[in-house]
């Protein structure tokens, strides 16, 4: 029976600390967007990784009449 004098305040302390953590996380926006990160992986954002072709009037653009160059051996 004497163990209840230790366990009851300990249980109340753990419960109140969990409640305080929950209130803190709600106030700091931890539960604002629950579905966004799950769907973000499905979005196709590979277009930013593709190389952009140079305009044809640019001096760095290869001419269409030049033969393809081979890498040095």
Foldseek 3Di string as FASTA:
>chain_A
DVCCVVVVVVVVVVVVVVVVVVVVCVVVCVPVDPCVVVCVVVDDPCVVVDDDQDDPVDPPHDDPPDDDDDDDD
